[in-house]
C-alpha cells in the first residue's frame, strides 16, 4: 500500500535526504521518497500505517524538529 504525506516546515534538502534514508531503513517500508521541492513524502509499506506512522514521525522530528507530517 502506498500513502502520501506533506512535510510542513521542511526547509533543508540535506535533512530531506537523511529522512528518506532513515525511513527506508525501517523493516516495514518497501520504499520511501522525500521530494524536497514539493515537500512530499511517499511511503510504500506492507504493514499497518497506524503502527508505522509514529516511527516515521520520530525520525522526522529527530532530523528536523519543526516539521509536521500531514496526510495528503
Protein backbone atom coordinates (compact mmCIF):
# COMPACT_ATOMS: atom_id res chain seq x y z
CA UNK A 1 0.00 0.00 0.00
CA UNK A 2 1.23 3.50 -0.85
CA UNK A 3 0.49 6.63 1.19
CA UNK A 4 1.35 10.28 0.60
CA UNK A 5 2.12 12.96 3.18
CA UNK A 6 3.09 16.65 3.21
CA UNK A 7 6.09 17.64 5.31
CA UNK A 8 5.12 21.11 6.54
CA UNK A 9 8.14 23.16 7.53
CA UNK A 10 10.75 21.15 5.63
CA UNK A 11 13.45 23.65 4.67
CA UNK A 12 16.64 21.61 4.37
CA UNK A 13 17.47 19.44 1.34
CA UNK A 14 20.14 17.55 3.28
CA UNK A 15 17.63 16.81 6.04
CA UNK A 16 15.15 15.52 3.44
CA UNK A 17 17.80 13.09 2.15
CA UNK A 18 18.57 11.92 5.71
CA UNK A 19 14.85 11.38 6.40
CA UNK A 20 14.44 9.37 3.20
CA UNK A 21 17.38 7.10 4.06
CA UNK A 22 16.25 6.57 7.67
CA UNK A 23 12.64 5.81 6.67
CA UNK A 24 13.83 3.36 4.01
CA UNK A 25 15.86 1.59 6.73
CA UNK A 26 12.64 0.67 8.61
CA UNK A 27 11.85 -3.02 8.08
CA UNK A 28 8.15 -2.43 7.28
CA UNK A 29 8.95 0.04 4.47
CA UNK A 30 9.32 -1.24 0.90
CA UNK A 31 10.20 2.19 -0.43
CA UNK A 32 10.12 5.79 0.73
CA UNK A 33 10.89 9.02 -1.09
CA UNK A 34 11.09 12.57 0.15
CA UNK A 35 10.77 15.25 -2.53
CA UNK A 36 12.30 18.41 -1.08
CA UNK A 37 10.90 20.69 -3.79
CA UNK A 38 7.28 19.62 -3.23
CA UNK A 39 7.77 18.68 0.46
CA UNK A 40 6.03 15.40 -0.33
CA UNK A 41 6.74 12.11 1.46
CA UNK A 42 5.69 8.91 -0.30
CA UNK A 43 5.78 5.65 1.64
CA UNK A 44 5.12 2.19 0.28
CA UNK A 45 4.78 -0.42 3.01
CA UNK A 46 3.21 -3.78 3.71
CA UNK A 47 2.26 -3.20 7.32
CA UNK A 48 -0.25 -1.21 9.29
CA UNK A 49 0.31 2.51 8.71
CA UNK A 50 -1.16 3.25 12.15
CA UNK A 51 1.87 1.47 13.66
CA UNK A 52 4.35 2.79 11.09
CA UNK A 53 3.49 6.49 11.22
CA UNK A 54 4.74 7.10 14.82
CA UNK A 55 8.12 5.61 13.83
CA UNK A 56 8.27 7.88 10.78
CA UNK A 57 7.29 10.92 12.88
CA UNK A 58 10.05 10.10 15.37
CA UNK A 59 12.64 10.01 12.55
CA UNK A 60 11.39 13.28 11.06
CA UNK A 61 11.33 15.08 14.44
CA UNK A 62 14.85 13.86 15.28
CA UNK A 63 16.28 15.18 11.99
CA UNK A 64 14.25 18.41 11.72
CA UNK A 65 12.16 19.12 14.84
CA UNK A 66 9.88 21.81 13.33
CA UNK A 67 8.43 19.58 10.58
CA UNK A 68 4.82 18.36 10.79
CA UNK A 69 3.56 15.36 8.82
CA UNK A 70 0.13 15.85 7.26
CA UNK A 71 -1.75 13.34 5.09
CA UNK A 72 -2.48 14.38 1.51
